[in-house]
Amino acid sequence: MKIDQEYLKGLLIAFEDSNEPHTSIARLLTLGFDHRTNEFRFHIRLLQDRGLIGRVDGEFGIGYFSPRSDDQDDEGFFDEVPLRLTASGHDFLEAIRNKEVWATLKSGFKDASIGTLVTVSKELFSRALTKQLDKYFD
């Protein structure tokens, strides 16, 4: 499965838009992110792999339990554990909200891995900030 950059960004925004310092699988479902879909499982696990989201209690994982059987209809399930956007997740979201960064990722890095997206967005955002700061010091 390939990364859907719009879906990934929307999922991060859904985490940030919570009225509390955390969110849940149930709340994400009400926002259109259905935990029963492969798309959701794929993208949320990528976010967890990169440390962009995590459990509030600091325990490992995101409450997902994968099937341990040969039953191909058993796709696993999510336990209702509070999840949060980490500091790295907030930084990534801030970077991809920048119009120049987002346009560059979408045009030049549309098939990139999550690691590449995070690294490139951080570098591009840093350069954009440097240009912005130069206006104040010239």
C-alpha atoms as a PDB file:
ATOM      1  CA  MET A   1       0.000   0.000   0.000  1.00  0.00           C
ATOM      2  CA  LYS A   2       1.246   3.488  -0.809  1.00  0.00           C
ATOM      3  CA  ILE A   3       1.037   6.510   1.425  1.00  0.00           C
ATOM      4  CA  ASP A   4      -1.882   8.817   0.719  1.00  0.00           C
ATOM      5  CA  GLN A   5      -0.409  12.167   1.721  1.00  0.00           C
ATOM      6  CA  GLU A   6      -3.797  13.893   1.990  1.00  0.00           C
ATOM      7  CA  TYR A   7      -5.122  11.129   4.256  1.00  0.00           C
ATOM      8  CA  LEU A   8      -1.976  11.268   6.388  1.00  0.00           C
ATOM      9  CA  LYS A   9      -2.234  15.036   6.798  1.00  0.00           C
ATOM     10  CA  GLY A  10      -5.947  14.803   7.581  1.00  0.00           C
ATOM     11  CA  LEU A  11      -5.298  12.182  10.242  1.00  0.00           C
ATOM     12  CA  LEU A  12      -2.673  14.370  11.903  1.00  0.00           C
ATOM     13  CA  ILE A  13      -5.055  17.330  11.838  1.00  0.00           C
ATOM     14  CA  ALA A  14      -7.756  15.163  13.444  1.00  0.00           C
ATOM     15  CA  PHE A  15      -5.357  14.398  16.304  1.00  0.00           C
ATOM     16  CA  GLU A  16      -4.538  18.073  16.760  1.00  0.00           C
ATOM     17  CA  ASP A  17      -8.169  19.202  16.566  1.00  0.00           C
ATOM     18  CA  SER A  18      -9.142  17.237  19.660  1.00  0.00           C
ATOM     19  CA  ASN A  19     -10.564  19.360  22.485  1.00  0.00           C
ATOM     20  CA  GLU A  20      -8.413  17.355  24.886  1.00  0.00           C
ATOM     21  CA  PRO A  21      -4.681  16.654  24.934  1.00  0.00           C
ATOM     22  CA  HIS A  22      -5.448  13.251  23.447  1.00  0.00           C
ATOM     23  CA  THR A  23      -7.883  11.555  21.108  1.00  0.00           C
ATOM     24  CA  SER A  24      -9.284   8.074  20.635  1.00  0.00           C
ATOM     25  CA  ILE A  25     -10.137   5.598  17.912  1.00  0.00           C
ATOM     26  CA  ALA A  26     -13.850   6.291  18.548  1.00  0.00           C
ATOM     27  CA  ARG A  27     -13.391  10.054  18.106  1.00  0.00           C
ATOM     28  CA  LEU A  28     -11.352   9.558  14.945  1.00  0.00           C
ATOM     29  CA  LEU A  29     -14.186   7.409  13.599  1.00  0.00           C
ATOM     30  CA  THR A  30     -16.649  10.285  14.063  1.00  0.00           C
ATOM     31  CA  LEU A  31     -14.281  12.441  11.996  1.00  0.00           C
ATOM     32  CA  GLY A  32     -14.300   9.971   9.111  1.00  0.00           C
ATOM     33  CA  PHE A  33     -11.210   7.940   9.948  1.00  0.00           C
ATOM     34  CA  ASP A  34     -12.564   4.405  10.160  1.00  0.00           C
ATOM     35  CA  HIS A  35     -10.272   2.102  12.127  1.00  0.00           C
ATOM     36  CA  ARG A  36     -11.801  -0.902  10.352  1.00  0.00           C
ATOM     37  CA  THR A  37     -10.254   0.064   7.010  1.00  0.00           C
ATOM     38  CA  ASN A  38      -6.867  -0.980   5.692  1.00  0.00           C
ATOM     39  CA  GLU A  39      -6.160   2.654   4.839  1.00  0.00           C
ATOM     40  CA  PHE A  40      -6.552   3.708   8.470  1.00  0.00           C
ATOM     41  CA  ARG A  41      -4.520   0.799   9.876  1.00  0.00           C
ATOM     42  CA  PHE A  42      -1.727   1.424   7.384  1.00  0.00           C
ATOM     43  CA  HIS A  43      -1.422   5.161   7.994  1.00  0.00           C
ATOM     44  CA  ILE A  44      -1.836   5.168  11.770  1.00  0.00           C
ATOM     45  CA  ARG A  45       0.808   2.477  12.126  1.00  0.00           C
ATOM     46  CA  LEU A  46       3.217   4.539   9.997  1.00  0.00           C
ATOM     47  CA  LEU A  47       2.628   7.506  12.317  1.00  0.00           C
ATOM     48  CA  GLN A  48       3.354   5.278  15.292  1.00  0.00           C
ATOM     49  CA  ASP A  49       6.447   3.773  13.642  1.00  0.00           C
ATOM     50  CA  ARG A  50       7.944   7.277  13.288  1.00  0.00           C
ATOM     51  CA  GLY A  51       6.994   8.345  16.815  1.00  0.00           C
ATOM     52  CA  LEU A  52       4.540  10.961  15.543  1.00  0.00           C
ATOM     53  CA  ILE A  53       1.725   9.572  17.694  1.00  0.00           C
ATOM     54  CA  GLY A  54       1.750   7.527  20.861  1.00  0.00           C
ATOM     55  CA  ARG A  55      -0.223   6.338  23.823  1.00  0.00           C
ATOM     56  CA  VAL A  56      -0.906   8.818  26.602  1.00  0.00           C
ATOM     57  CA  ASP A  57       0.332   6.336  29.215  1.00  0.00           C
ATOM     58  CA  GLY A  58       3.682   5.977  27.436  1.00  0.00           C
ATOM     59  CA  GLU A  59       3.232   2.269  26.844  1.00  0.00           C
ATOM     60  CA  PHE A  60       4.334   0.821  23.527  1.00  0.00           C
ATOM     61  CA  GLY A  61       1.821   0.498  20.727  1.00  0.00           C
ATOM     62  CA  ILE A  62      -1.396   2.207  19.790  1.00  0.00           C
ATOM     63  CA  GLY A  63      -3.877  -0.352  21.053  1.00  0.00           C
ATOM     64  CA  TYR A  64      -3.948  -2.390  17.839  1.00  0.00           C
ATOM     65  CA  PHE A  65      -4.046  -6.145  18.144  1.00  0.00           C
ATOM     66  CA  SER A  66      -3.335  -8.068  14.967  1.00  0.00           C
ATOM     67  CA  PRO A  67      -4.845 -11.463  14.183  1.00  0.00           C
ATOM     68  CA  ARG A  68      -2.978 -14.501  15.341  1.00  0.00           C
ATOM     69  CA  SER A  69      -4.892 -16.990  13.269  1.00  0.00           C
ATOM     70  CA  ASP A  70      -5.121 -18.233   9.720  1.00  0.00           C
ATOM     71  CA  ASP A  71      -8.595 -16.693   9.432  1.00  0.00           C
ATOM     72  CA  GLN A  72      -8.161 -14.129   6.657  1.00  0.00           C
ATOM     73  CA  ASP A  73     -11.410 -12.394   7.659  1.00  0.00           C
ATOM     74  CA  ASP A  74      -9.936 -11.599  11.094  1.00  0.00           C
ATOM     75  CA  GLU A  75      -8.269  -8.218  10.562  1.00  0.00           C
ATOM     76  CA  GLY A  76      -7.491  -7.511  14.201  1.00  0.00           C
ATOM     77  CA  PHE A  77      -8.972  -4.770  16.356  1.00  0.00           C
ATOM     78  CA  PHE A  78      -8.183  -1.579  18.234  1.00  0.00           C
ATOM     79  CA  ASP A  79      -8.509  -1.335  21.982  1.00  0.00           C
ATOM     80  CA  GLU A  80      -9.799   2.047  23.134  1.00  0.00           C
ATOM     81  CA  VAL A  81      -6.618   3.640  24.510  1.00  0.00           C
ATOM     82  CA  PRO A  82      -6.026   7.402  24.618  1.00  0.00           C
ATOM     83  CA  LEU A  83      -3.627   8.473  21.860  1.00  0.00           C
ATOM     84  CA  ARG A  84      -1.785  11.729  21.428  1.00  0.00           C
ATOM     85  CA  LEU A  85       0.159  13.657  18.844  1.00  0.00           C
ATOM     86  CA  THR A  86       3.781  13.734  20.049  1.00  0.00           C
ATOM     87  CA  ALA A  87       6.060  16.770  19.856  1.00  0.00           C
ATOM     88  CA  SER A  88       7.557  15.272  16.687  1.00  0.00           C
ATOM     89  CA  GLY A  89       4.048  14.853  15.330  1.00  0.00           C
ATOM     90  CA  HIS A  90       3.262  18.507  15.999  1.00  0.00           C
ATOM     91  CA  ASP A  91       6.522  19.516  14.300  1.00  0.00           C
ATOM     92  CA  PHE A  92       5.734  17.399  11.233  1.00  0.00           C
ATOM     93  CA  LEU A  93       2.218  18.797  11.010  1.00  0.00           C
ATOM     94  CA  GLU A  94       3.509  22.363  11.329  1.00  0.00           C
ATOM     95  CA  ALA A  95       5.941  21.720   8.464  1.00  0.00           C
ATOM     96  CA  ILE A  96       3.387  20.184   6.111  1.00  0.00           C
ATOM     97  CA  ARG A  97       0.926  23.005   6.769  1.00  0.00           C
ATOM     98  CA  ASN A  98       3.392  25.361   5.102  1.00  0.00           C
ATOM     99  CA  LYS A  99       2.111  25.825   1.536  1.00  0.00           C
ATOM    100  CA  GLU A 100       5.554  25.655  -0.090  1.00  0.00           C
ATOM    101  CA  VAL A 101       6.539  22.539   1.841  1.00  0.00           C
ATOM    102  CA  TRP A 102       3.231  20.818   1.070  1.00  0.00           C
ATOM    103  CA  ALA A 103       3.372  21.666  -2.628  1.00  0.00           C
ATOM    104  CA  THR A 104       6.941  20.349  -2.868  1.00  0.00           C
ATOM    105  CA  LEU A 105       6.086  17.101  -1.088  1.00  0.00           C
ATOM    106  CA  LYS A 106       3.045  16.518  -3.273  1.00  0.00           C
ATOM    107  CA  SER A 107       4.856  17.208  -6.540  1.00  0.00           C
ATOM    108  CA  GLY A 108       8.401  15.981  -5.955  1.00  0.00           C
ATOM    109  CA  PHE A 109       7.944  13.312  -3.301  1.00  0.00           C
ATOM    110  CA  LYS A 110       4.562  11.733  -4.040  1.00  0.00           C
ATOM    111  CA  ASP A 111       5.880   8.166  -3.705  1.00  0.00           C
ATOM    112  CA  ALA A 112       8.197   8.852  -0.763  1.00  0.00           C
ATOM    113  CA  SER A 113       8.331   6.822   2.436  1.00  0.00           C
ATOM    114  CA  ILE A 114       7.169   8.285   5.739  1.00  0.00           C
ATOM    115  CA  GLY A 115      10.806   8.716   6.776  1.00  0.00           C
ATOM    116  CA  THR A 116      11.560  10.713   3.643  1.00  0.00           C
ATOM    117  CA  LEU A 117       8.425  12.822   4.071  1.00  0.00           C
ATOM    118  CA  VAL A 118       9.392  13.702   7.643  1.00  0.00           C
ATOM    119  CA  THR A 119      13.031  14.442   6.784  1.00  0.00           C
ATOM    120  CA  VAL A 120      12.304  16.472   3.656  1.00  0.00           C
ATOM    121  CA  SER A 121       9.471  18.458   5.250  1.00  0.00           C
ATOM    122  CA  LYS A 122      11.712  19.325   8.192  1.00  0.00           C
ATOM    123  CA  GLU A 123      14.501  20.514   5.882  1.00  0.00           C
ATOM    124  CA  LEU A 124      12.157  22.471   3.608  1.00  0.00           C
ATOM    125  CA  PHE A 125      10.422  24.083   6.578  1.00  0.00           C
ATOM    126  CA  SER A 126      13.769  25.014   8.099  1.00  0.00           C
ATOM    127  CA  ARG A 127      14.752  26.729   4.833  1.00  0.00           C
ATOM    128  CA  ALA A 128      11.389  28.508   4.650  1.00  0.00           C
ATOM    129  CA  LEU A 129      11.855  29.746   8.221  1.00  0.00           C
ATOM    130  CA  THR A 130      15.357  30.949   7.407  1.00  0.00           C
ATOM    131  CA  LYS A 131      13.995  32.963   4.459  1.00  0.00           C
ATOM    132  CA  GLN A 132      11.295  34.412   6.706  1.00  0.00           C
ATOM    133  CA  LEU A 133      13.790  35.308   9.433  1.00  0.00           C
ATOM    134  CA  ASP A 134      16.110  36.946   6.908  1.00  0.00           C
ATOM    135  CA  LYS A 135      13.406  39.558   6.321  1.00  0.00           C
ATOM    136  CA  TYR A 136      13.747  40.659   9.946  1.00  0.00           C
ATOM    137  CA  PHE A 137      17.524  40.894   9.927  1.00  0.00           C
ATOM    138  CA  ASP A 138      18.201  42.634   6.638  1.00  0.00           C
END
